[in-house]
Amino acid sequence: MLWYLHLCSVNKVVVLEYEDEAKGEMIESKSGKGRFKKVTLYPKVVVESNSMIEKAKLLHQQANEMCFIANSCNFEIGHVVEVEAKN
């Protein structure tokens, strides 16, 4: 999220609200040991104007590529992005 907000700021996308819900899929072995197979983030973003919506959506991919946490995981991290304008 911090990379996303930074990229929005640099690209003059004004974020008014941001919330996210993460859902993960786990694999468990017979011994009980488990690991994540996949995590999907469901961010809901409110930006200042309609002209910012498309850029706000596109910046999620770049933020994921730069994210320290995403780069440290050995499983897929997806995004299902919802962006709307306040006006």
PDB file of N, CA and C in Angstrom:
ATOM      1  N   MET A   1       0.821  -1.188   0.000  1.00  0.00           N
ATOM      2  CA  MET A   1       0.000   0.000   0.000  1.00  0.00           C
ATOM      3  C   MET A   1       0.865   1.251   0.000  1.00  0.00           C
ATOM      4  N   LEU A   2       1.972   1.260   0.706  1.00  0.00           N
ATOM      5  CA  LEU A   2       2.801   2.465   0.756  1.00  0.00           C
ATOM      6  C   LEU A   2       3.385   2.796  -0.611  1.00  0.00           C
ATOM      7  N   TRP A   3       3.837   1.783  -1.345  1.00  0.00           N
ATOM      8  CA  TRP A   3       4.327   2.042  -2.697  1.00  0.00           C
ATOM      9  C   TRP A   3       3.201   2.576  -3.562  1.00  0.00           C
ATOM     10  N   TYR A   4       2.022   2.037  -3.425  1.00  0.00           N
ATOM     11  CA  TYR A   4       0.884   2.497  -4.228  1.00  0.00           C
ATOM     12  C   TYR A   4       0.595   3.969  -3.953  1.00  0.00           C
ATOM     13  N   LEU A   5       0.527   4.350  -2.698  1.00  0.00           N
ATOM     14  CA  LEU A   5       0.247   5.745  -2.354  1.00  0.00           C
ATOM     15  C   LEU A   5       1.360   6.667  -2.838  1.00  0.00           C
ATOM     16  N   HIS A   6       2.591   6.211  -2.745  1.00  0.00           N
ATOM     17  CA  HIS A   6       3.718   6.999  -3.248  1.00  0.00           C
ATOM     18  C   HIS A   6       3.582   7.209  -4.762  1.00  0.00           C
ATOM     19  N   LEU A   7       3.324   6.133  -5.494  1.00  0.00           N
ATOM     20  CA  LEU A   7       3.198   6.234  -6.945  1.00  0.00           C
ATOM     21  C   LEU A   7       2.020   7.129  -7.347  1.00  0.00           C
ATOM     22  N   CYS A   8       0.939   7.055  -6.610  1.00  0.00           N
ATOM     23  CA  CYS A   8      -0.196   7.942  -6.886  1.00  0.00           C
ATOM     24  C   CYS A   8       0.219   9.396  -6.697  1.00  0.00           C
ATOM     25  N   SER A   9       0.919   9.669  -5.616  1.00  0.00           N
ATOM     26  CA  SER A   9       1.370  11.032  -5.338  1.00  0.00           C
ATOM     27  C   SER A   9       2.273  11.559  -6.447  1.00  0.00           C
ATOM     28  N   VAL A  10       3.248  10.757  -6.851  1.00  0.00           N
ATOM     29  CA  VAL A  10       4.189  11.142  -7.910  1.00  0.00           C
ATOM     30  C   VAL A  10       3.463  11.381  -9.231  1.00  0.00           C
ATOM     31  N   ASN A  11       2.394  10.625  -9.472  1.00  0.00           N
ATOM     32  CA  ASN A  11       1.638  10.729 -10.718  1.00  0.00           C
ATOM     33  C   ASN A  11       0.415  11.642 -10.605  1.00  0.00           C
ATOM     34  N   LYS A  12       0.363  12.408  -9.535  1.00  0.00           N
ATOM     35  CA  LYS A  12      -0.712  13.390  -9.313  1.00  0.00           C
ATOM     36  C   LYS A  12      -2.114  12.775  -9.289  1.00  0.00           C
ATOM     37  N   VAL A  13      -2.187  11.588  -8.714  1.00  0.00           N
ATOM     38  CA  VAL A  13      -3.474  10.932  -8.465  1.00  0.00           C
ATOM     39  C   VAL A  13      -3.774  11.134  -6.987  1.00  0.00           C
ATOM     40  N   VAL A  14      -4.829  11.878  -6.693  1.00  0.00           N
ATOM     41  CA  VAL A  14      -5.175  12.202  -5.312  1.00  0.00           C
ATOM     42  C   VAL A  14      -6.088  11.108  -4.762  1.00  0.00           C
ATOM     43  N   VAL A  15      -5.571  10.350  -3.787  1.00  0.00           N
ATOM     44  CA  VAL A  15      -6.327   9.269  -3.158  1.00  0.00           C
ATOM     45  C   VAL A  15      -7.022   9.825  -1.922  1.00  0.00           C
ATOM     46  N   LEU A  16      -8.334   9.724  -1.899  1.00  0.00           N
ATOM     47  CA  LEU A  16      -9.122  10.209  -0.764  1.00  0.00           C
ATOM     48  C   LEU A  16      -9.425   9.096   0.230  1.00  0.00           C
ATOM     49  N   GLU A  17      -9.597   7.881  -0.270  1.00  0.00           N
ATOM     50  CA  GLU A  17      -9.896   6.728   0.587  1.00  0.00           C
ATOM     51  C   GLU A  17      -9.219   5.489   0.006  1.00  0.00           C
ATOM     52  N   TYR A  18      -8.790   4.603   0.907  1.00  0.00           N
ATOM     53  CA  TYR A  18      -8.173   3.345   0.472  1.00  0.00           C
ATOM     54  C   TYR A  18      -8.490   2.292   1.516  1.00  0.00           C
ATOM     55  N   GLU A  19      -9.067   1.197   1.079  1.00  0.00           N
ATOM     56  CA  GLU A  19      -9.261   0.045   1.967  1.00  0.00           C
ATOM     57  C   GLU A  19      -8.957  -1.205   1.160  1.00  0.00           C
ATOM     58  N   ASP A  20      -8.561  -2.242   1.836  1.00  0.00           N
ATOM     59  CA  ASP A  20      -8.175  -3.458   1.145  1.00  0.00           C
ATOM     60  C   ASP A  20      -8.628  -4.661   1.949  1.00  0.00           C
ATOM     61  N   GLU A  21      -8.945  -5.709   1.235  1.00  0.00           N
ATOM     62  CA  GLU A  21      -9.288  -6.985   1.854  1.00  0.00           C
ATOM     63  C   GLU A  21      -8.456  -8.044   1.150  1.00  0.00           C
ATOM     64  N   ALA A  22      -7.656  -8.747   1.899  1.00  0.00           N
ATOM     65  CA  ALA A  22      -6.814  -9.799   1.321  1.00  0.00           C
ATOM     66  C   ALA A  22      -7.452 -11.160   1.576  1.00  0.00           C
ATOM     67  N   LYS A  23      -7.374 -12.007   0.564  1.00  0.00           N
ATOM     68  CA  LYS A  23      -7.852 -13.385   0.693  1.00  0.00           C
ATOM     69  C   LYS A  23      -6.730 -14.292   0.236  1.00  0.00           C
ATOM     70  N   GLY A  24      -6.465 -15.342   1.024  1.00  0.00           N
ATOM     71  CA  GLY A  24      -5.386 -16.250   0.678  1.00  0.00           C
ATOM     72  C   GLY A  24      -5.859 -17.677   0.517  1.00  0.00           C
ATOM     73  N   GLU A  25      -5.139 -18.396  -0.305  1.00  0.00           N
ATOM     74  CA  GLU A  25      -5.402 -19.823  -0.513  1.00  0.00           C
ATOM     75  C   GLU A  25      -4.206 -20.581   0.046  1.00  0.00           C
ATOM     76  N   MET A  26      -4.471 -21.521   0.942  1.00  0.00           N
ATOM     77  CA  MET A  26      -3.406 -22.266   1.596  1.00  0.00           C
ATOM     78  C   MET A  26      -3.422 -23.728   1.176  1.00  0.00           C
ATOM     79  N   ILE A  27      -2.251 -24.329   1.266  1.00  0.00           N
ATOM     80  CA  ILE A  27      -2.081 -25.763   1.048  1.00  0.00           C
ATOM     81  C   ILE A  27      -1.589 -26.346   2.365  1.00  0.00           C
ATOM     82  N   GLU A  28      -2.195 -27.433   2.790  1.00  0.00           N
ATOM     83  CA  GLU A  28      -1.775 -28.076   4.027  1.00  0.00           C
ATOM     84  C   GLU A  28      -1.372 -29.520   3.724  1.00  0.00           C
ATOM     85  N   SER A  29      -0.225 -29.913   4.245  1.00  0.00           N
ATOM     86  CA  SER A  29       0.241 -31.285   4.038  1.00  0.00           C
ATOM     87  C   SER A  29      -0.391 -32.212   5.070  1.00  0.00           C
ATOM     88  N   LYS A  30      -0.197 -33.504   4.903  1.00  0.00           N
ATOM     89  CA  LYS A  30      -0.744 -34.484   5.837  1.00  0.00           C
ATOM     90  C   LYS A  30      -0.213 -34.280   7.247  1.00  0.00           C
ATOM     91  N   SER A  31       1.005 -33.753   7.365  1.00  0.00           N
ATOM     92  CA  SER A  31       1.604 -33.530   8.679  1.00  0.00           C
ATOM     93  C   SER A  31       1.036 -32.305   9.379  1.00  0.00           C
ATOM     94  N   GLY A  32       0.250 -31.495   8.652  1.00  0.00           N
ATOM     95  CA  GLY A  32      -0.313 -30.281   9.220  1.00  0.00           C
ATOM     96  C   GLY A  32       0.470 -29.036   8.838  1.00  0.00           C
ATOM     97  N   LYS A  33       1.636 -29.229   8.248  1.00  0.00           N
ATOM     98  CA  LYS A  33       2.444 -28.101   7.800  1.00  0.00           C
ATOM     99  C   LYS A  33       1.731 -27.434   6.632  1.00  0.00           C
ATOM    100  N   GLY A  34       1.730 -26.113   6.617  1.00  0.00           N
ATOM    101  CA  GLY A  34       1.023 -25.410   5.564  1.00  0.00           C
ATOM    102  C   GLY A  34       1.810 -24.260   4.988  1.00  0.00           C
ATOM    103  N   ARG A  35       1.308 -23.770   3.854  1.00  0.00           N
ATOM    104  CA  ARG A  35       1.899 -22.601   3.221  1.00  0.00           C
ATOM    105  C   ARG A  35       0.849 -21.949   2.333  1.00  0.00           C
ATOM    106  N   PHE A  36       1.062 -20.681   2.050  1.00  0.00           N
ATOM    107  CA  PHE A  36       0.173 -19.998   1.125  1.00  0.00           C
ATOM    108  C   PHE A  36       0.505 -20.394  -0.301  1.00  0.00           C
ATOM    109  N   LYS A  37      -0.520 -20.602  -1.090  1.00  0.00           N
ATOM    110  CA  LYS A  37      -0.375 -20.899  -2.514  1.00  0.00           C
ATOM    111  C   LYS A  37      -0.588 -19.624  -3.333  1.00  0.00           C
ATOM    112  N   LYS A  38      -1.489 -18.783  -2.846  1.00  0.00           N
ATOM    113  CA  LYS A  38      -1.877 -17.590  -3.590  1.00  0.00           C
ATOM    114  C   LYS A  38      -2.547 -16.608  -2.637  1.00  0.00           C
ATOM    115  N   VAL A  39      -2.313 -15.329  -2.862  1.00  0.00           N
ATOM    116  CA  VAL A  39      -3.004 -14.274  -2.117  1.00  0.00           C
ATOM    117  C   VAL A  39      -3.530 -13.272  -3.135  1.00  0.00           C
ATOM    118  N   THR A  40      -4.767 -12.845  -2.944  1.00  0.00           N
ATOM    119  CA  THR A  40      -5.350 -11.827  -3.809  1.00  0.00           C
ATOM    120  C   THR A  40      -5.787 -10.655  -2.937  1.00  0.00           C
ATOM    121  N   LEU A  41      -5.384  -9.458  -3.372  1.00  0.00           N
ATOM    122  CA  LEU A  41      -5.783  -8.229  -2.693  1.00  0.00           C
ATOM    123  C   LEU A  41      -6.976  -7.636  -3.428  1.00  0.00           C
ATOM    124  N   TYR A  42      -7.893  -7.076  -2.668  1.00  0.00           N
ATOM    125  CA  TYR A  42      -9.096  -6.464  -3.227  1.00  0.00           C
ATOM    126  C   TYR A  42      -9.181  -5.004  -2.777  1.00  0.00           C
ATOM    127  N   PRO A  43      -8.288  -4.151  -3.304  1.00  0.00           N
ATOM    128  CA  PRO A  43      -8.308  -2.754  -2.884  1.00  0.00           C
ATOM    129  C   PRO A  43      -9.499  -1.999  -3.455  1.00  0.00           C
ATOM    130  N   LYS A  44     -10.062  -1.133  -2.620  1.00  0.00           N
ATOM    131  CA  LYS A  44     -11.121  -0.203  -3.039  1.00  0.00           C
ATOM    132  C   LYS A  44     -10.558   1.192  -2.819  1.00  0.00           C
ATOM    133  N   VAL A  45     -10.428   1.929  -3.895  1.00  0.00           N
ATOM    134  CA  VAL A  45      -9.787   3.232  -3.857  1.00  0.00           C
ATOM    135  C   VAL A  45     -10.768   4.298  -4.323  1.00  0.00           C
ATOM    136  N   VAL A  46     -10.788   5.415  -3.615  1.00  0.00           N
ATOM    137  CA  VAL A  46     -11.576   6.570  -4.035  1.00  0.00           C
ATOM    138  C   VAL A  46     -10.578   7.678  -4.356  1.00  0.00           C
ATOM    139  N   VAL A  47     -10.650   8.190  -5.583  1.00  0.00           N
ATOM    140  CA  VAL A  47      -9.770   9.269  -6.021  1.00  0.00           C
ATOM    141  C   VAL A  47     -10.579  10.551  -6.173  1.00  0.00           C
ATOM    142  N   GLU A  48      -9.850  11.646  -6.361  1.00  0.00           N
ATOM    143  CA  GLU A  48     -10.482  12.969  -6.379  1.00  0.00           C
ATOM    144  C   GLU A  48     -11.376  13.219  -7.599  1.00  0.00           C
ATOM    145  N   SER A  49     -10.985  12.702  -8.764  1.00  0.00           N
ATOM    146  CA  SER A  49     -11.782  12.991  -9.963  1.00  0.00           C
ATOM    147  C   SER A  49     -11.785  11.809 -10.930  1.00  0.00           C
ATOM    148  N   ASN A  50     -12.765  11.812 -11.831  1.00  0.00           N
ATOM    149  CA  ASN A  50     -12.896  10.751 -12.831  1.00  0.00           C
ATOM    150  C   ASN A  50     -11.660  10.628 -13.705  1.00  0.00           C
ATOM    151  N   SER A  51     -10.987  11.731 -13.973  1.00  0.00           N
ATOM    152  CA  SER A  51      -9.807  11.711 -14.840  1.00  0.00           C
ATOM    153  C   SER A  51      -8.647  10.924 -14.228  1.00  0.00           C
ATOM    154  N   MET A  52      -8.711  10.602 -12.956  1.00  0.00           N
ATOM    155  CA  MET A  52      -7.646   9.881 -12.251  1.00  0.00           C
ATOM    156  C   MET A  52      -7.894   8.379 -12.158  1.00  0.00           C
ATOM    157  N   ILE A  53      -9.064   7.921 -12.515  1.00  0.00           N
ATOM    158  CA  ILE A  53      -9.450   6.526 -12.300  1.00  0.00           C
ATOM    159  C   ILE A  53      -8.543   5.550 -13.031  1.00  0.00           C
ATOM    160  N   GLU A  54      -8.345   5.744 -14.328  1.00  0.00           N
ATOM    161  CA  GLU A  54      -7.560   4.785 -15.113  1.00  0.00           C
ATOM    162  C   GLU A  54      -6.115   4.703 -14.617  1.00  0.00           C
ATOM    163  N   LYS A  55      -5.509   5.847 -14.336  1.00  0.00           N
ATOM    164  CA  LYS A  55      -4.130   5.858 -13.843  1.00  0.00           C
ATOM    165  C   LYS A  55      -4.063   5.169 -12.475  1.00  0.00           C
ATOM    166  N   ALA A  56      -5.052   5.411 -11.635  1.00  0.00           N
ATOM    167  CA  ALA A  56      -5.085   4.791 -10.311  1.00  0.00           C
ATOM    168  C   ALA A  56      -5.140   3.269 -10.421  1.00  0.00           C
ATOM    169  N   LYS A  57      -5.858   2.760 -11.392  1.00  0.00           N
ATOM    170  CA  LYS A  57      -5.933   1.309 -11.607  1.00  0.00           C
ATOM    171  C   LYS A  57      -4.594   0.765 -12.078  1.00  0.00           C
ATOM    172  N   LEU A  58      -3.978   1.435 -13.035  1.00  0.00           N
ATOM    173  CA  LEU A  58      -2.719   0.969 -13.610  1.00  0.00           C
ATOM    174  C   LEU A  58      -1.567   0.962 -12.603  1.00  0.00           C
ATOM    175  N   LEU A  59      -1.571   1.865 -11.657  1.00  0.00           N
ATOM    176  CA  LEU A  59      -0.468   1.972 -10.704  1.00  0.00           C
ATOM    177  C   LEU A  59      -0.384   0.786  -9.743  1.00  0.00           C
ATOM    178  N   HIS A  60      -1.442   0.004  -9.616  1.00  0.00           N
ATOM    179  CA  HIS A  60      -1.394  -1.167  -8.733  1.00  0.00           C
ATOM    180  C   HIS A  60      -0.360  -2.181  -9.199  1.00  0.00           C
ATOM    181  N   GLN A  61      -0.249  -2.388 -10.491  1.00  0.00           N
ATOM    182  CA  GLN A  61       0.731  -3.347 -11.008  1.00  0.00           C
ATOM    183  C   GLN A  61       2.159  -2.886 -10.702  1.00  0.00           C
ATOM    184  N   GLN A  62       2.437  -1.609 -10.942  1.00  0.00           N
ATOM    185  CA  GLN A  62       3.776  -1.082 -10.664  1.00  0.00           C
ATOM    186  C   GLN A  62       4.083  -1.153  -9.163  1.00  0.00           C
ATOM    187  N   ALA A  63       3.106  -0.851  -8.339  1.00  0.00           N
ATOM    188  CA  ALA A  63       3.304  -0.930  -6.889  1.00  0.00           C
ATOM    189  C   ALA A  63       3.607  -2.360  -6.463  1.00  0.00           C
ATOM    190  N   ASN A  64       2.930  -3.327  -7.049  1.00  0.00           N
ATOM    191  CA  ASN A  64       3.183  -4.732  -6.734  1.00  0.00           C
ATOM    192  C   ASN A  64       4.610  -5.131  -7.113  1.00  0.00           C
ATOM    193  N   GLU A  65       5.082  -4.646  -8.247  1.00  0.00           N
ATOM    194  CA  GLU A  65       6.439  -4.962  -8.702  1.00  0.00           C
ATOM    195  C   GLU A  65       7.497  -4.382  -7.770  1.00  0.00           C
ATOM    196  N   MET A  66       7.193  -3.279  -7.098  1.00  0.00           N
ATOM    197  CA  MET A  66       8.157  -2.611  -6.226  1.00  0.00           C
ATOM    198  C   MET A  66       8.021  -3.017  -4.755  1.00  0.00           C
ATOM    199  N   CYS A  67       6.956  -3.691  -4.400  1.00  0.00           N
ATOM    200  CA  CYS A  67       6.623  -3.996  -3.006  1.00  0.00           C
ATOM    201  C   CYS A  67       7.623  -4.969  -2.371  1.00  0.00           C
ATOM    202  N   PHE A  68       8.160  -4.586  -1.223  1.00  0.00           N
ATOM    203  CA  PHE A  68       9.103  -5.433  -0.490  1.00  0.00           C
ATOM    204  C   PHE A  68       8.454  -6.753  -0.077  1.00  0.00           C
ATOM    205  N   ILE A  69       7.230  -6.700   0.383  1.00  0.00           N
ATOM    206  CA  ILE A  69       6.544  -7.913   0.832  1.00  0.00           C
ATOM    207  C   ILE A  69       6.262  -8.833  -0.355  1.00  0.00           C
ATOM    208  N   ALA A  70       5.701  -8.275  -1.436  1.00  0.00           N
ATOM    209  CA  ALA A  70       5.399  -9.092  -2.612  1.00  0.00           C
ATOM    210  C   ALA A  70       6.663  -9.721  -3.185  1.00  0.00           C
ATOM    211  N   ASN A  71       7.764  -8.994  -3.159  1.00  0.00           N
ATOM    212  CA  ASN A  71       9.025  -9.518  -3.688  1.00  0.00           C
ATOM    213  C   ASN A  71       9.663 -10.552  -2.770  1.00  0.00           C
ATOM    214  N   SER A  72       9.186 -10.670  -1.564  1.00  0.00           N
ATOM    215  CA  SER A  72       9.721 -11.634  -0.603  1.00  0.00           C
ATOM    216  C   SER A  72       8.921 -12.934  -0.568  1.00  0.00           C
ATOM    217  N   CYS A  73       7.788 -12.963  -1.246  1.00  0.00           N
ATOM    218  CA  CYS A  73       6.911 -14.135  -1.222  1.00  0.00           C
ATOM    219  C   CYS A  73       7.237 -15.095  -2.358  1.00  0.00           C
ATOM    220  N   ASN A  74       7.007 -16.366  -2.106  1.00  0.00           N
ATOM    221  CA  ASN A  74       7.232 -17.379  -3.140  1.00  0.00           C
ATOM    222  C   ASN A  74       5.901 -17.909  -3.679  1.00  0.00           C
ATOM    223  N   PHE A  75       4.897 -17.053  -3.679  1.00  0.00           N
ATOM    224  CA  PHE A  75       3.593 -17.406  -4.219  1.00  0.00           C
ATOM    225  C   PHE A  75       3.016 -16.188  -4.947  1.00  0.00           C
ATOM    226  N   GLU A  76       2.033 -16.437  -5.755  1.00  0.00           N
ATOM    227  CA  GLU A  76       1.392 -15.398  -6.554  1.00  0.00           C
ATOM    228  C   GLU A  76       0.617 -14.421  -5.675  1.00  0.00           C
ATOM    229  N   ILE A  77       0.745 -13.137  -6.004  1.00  0.00           N
ATOM    230  CA  ILE A  77      -0.062 -12.108  -5.353  1.00  0.00           C
ATOM    231  C   ILE A  77      -0.816 -11.379  -6.456  1.00  0.00           C
ATOM    232  N   GLY A  78      -2.133 -11.484  -6.426  1.00  0.00           N
ATOM    233  CA  GLY A  78      -2.967 -10.858  -7.447  1.00  0.00           C
ATOM    234  C   GLY A  78      -3.691  -9.644  -6.907  1.00  0.00           C
ATOM    235  N   HIS A  79      -4.250  -8.875  -7.812  1.00  0.00           N
ATOM    236  CA  HIS A  79      -5.017  -7.680  -7.458  1.00  0.00           C
ATOM    237  C   HIS A  79      -6.314  -7.649  -8.244  1.00  0.00           C
ATOM    238  N   VAL A  80      -7.401  -7.404  -7.552  1.00  0.00           N
ATOM    239  CA  VAL A  80      -8.685  -7.134  -8.177  1.00  0.00           C
ATOM    240  C   VAL A  80      -9.045  -5.735  -7.690  1.00  0.00           C
ATOM    241  N   VAL A  81      -8.825  -4.759  -8.555  1.00  0.00           N
ATOM    242  CA  VAL A  81      -8.882  -3.351  -8.165  1.00  0.00           C
ATOM    243  C   VAL A  81     -10.226  -2.742  -8.488  1.00  0.00           C
ATOM    244  N   GLU A  82     -10.718  -1.938  -7.544  1.00  0.00           N
ATOM    245  CA  GLU A  82     -11.951  -1.174  -7.737  1.00  0.00           C
ATOM    246  C   GLU A  82     -11.605   0.270  -7.430  1.00  0.00           C
ATOM    247  N   VAL A  83     -11.792   1.162  -8.409  1.00  0.00           N
ATOM    248  CA  VAL A  83     -11.503   2.589  -8.218  1.00  0.00           C
ATOM    249  C   VAL A  83     -12.720   3.391  -8.639  1.00  0.00           C
ATOM    250  N   GLU A  84     -13.067   4.377  -7.825  1.00  0.00           N
ATOM    251  CA  GLU A  84     -14.153   5.281  -8.159  1.00  0.00           C
ATOM    252  C   GLU A  84     -13.730   6.692  -7.806  1.00  0.00           C
ATOM    253  N   ALA A  85     -14.421   7.678  -8.381  1.00  0.00           N
ATOM    254  CA  ALA A  85     -14.133   9.076  -8.098  1.00  0.00           C
ATOM    255  C   ALA A  85     -15.167   9.622  -7.124  1.00  0.00           C
ATOM    256  N   LYS A  86     -14.728  10.536  -6.302  1.00  0.00           N
ATOM    257  CA  LYS A  86     -15.600  11.146  -5.299  1.00  0.00           C
ATOM    258  C   LYS A  86     -16.627  12.088  -5.944  1.00  0.00           C
ATOM    259  N   ASN A  87     -16.242  12.716  -7.060  1.00  0.00           N
ATOM    260  CA  ASN A  87     -17.134  13.729  -7.659  1.00  0.00           C
ATOM    261  C   ASN A  87     -18.240  13.159  -8.483  1.00  0.00           C
TER     262      ASN A  87
END
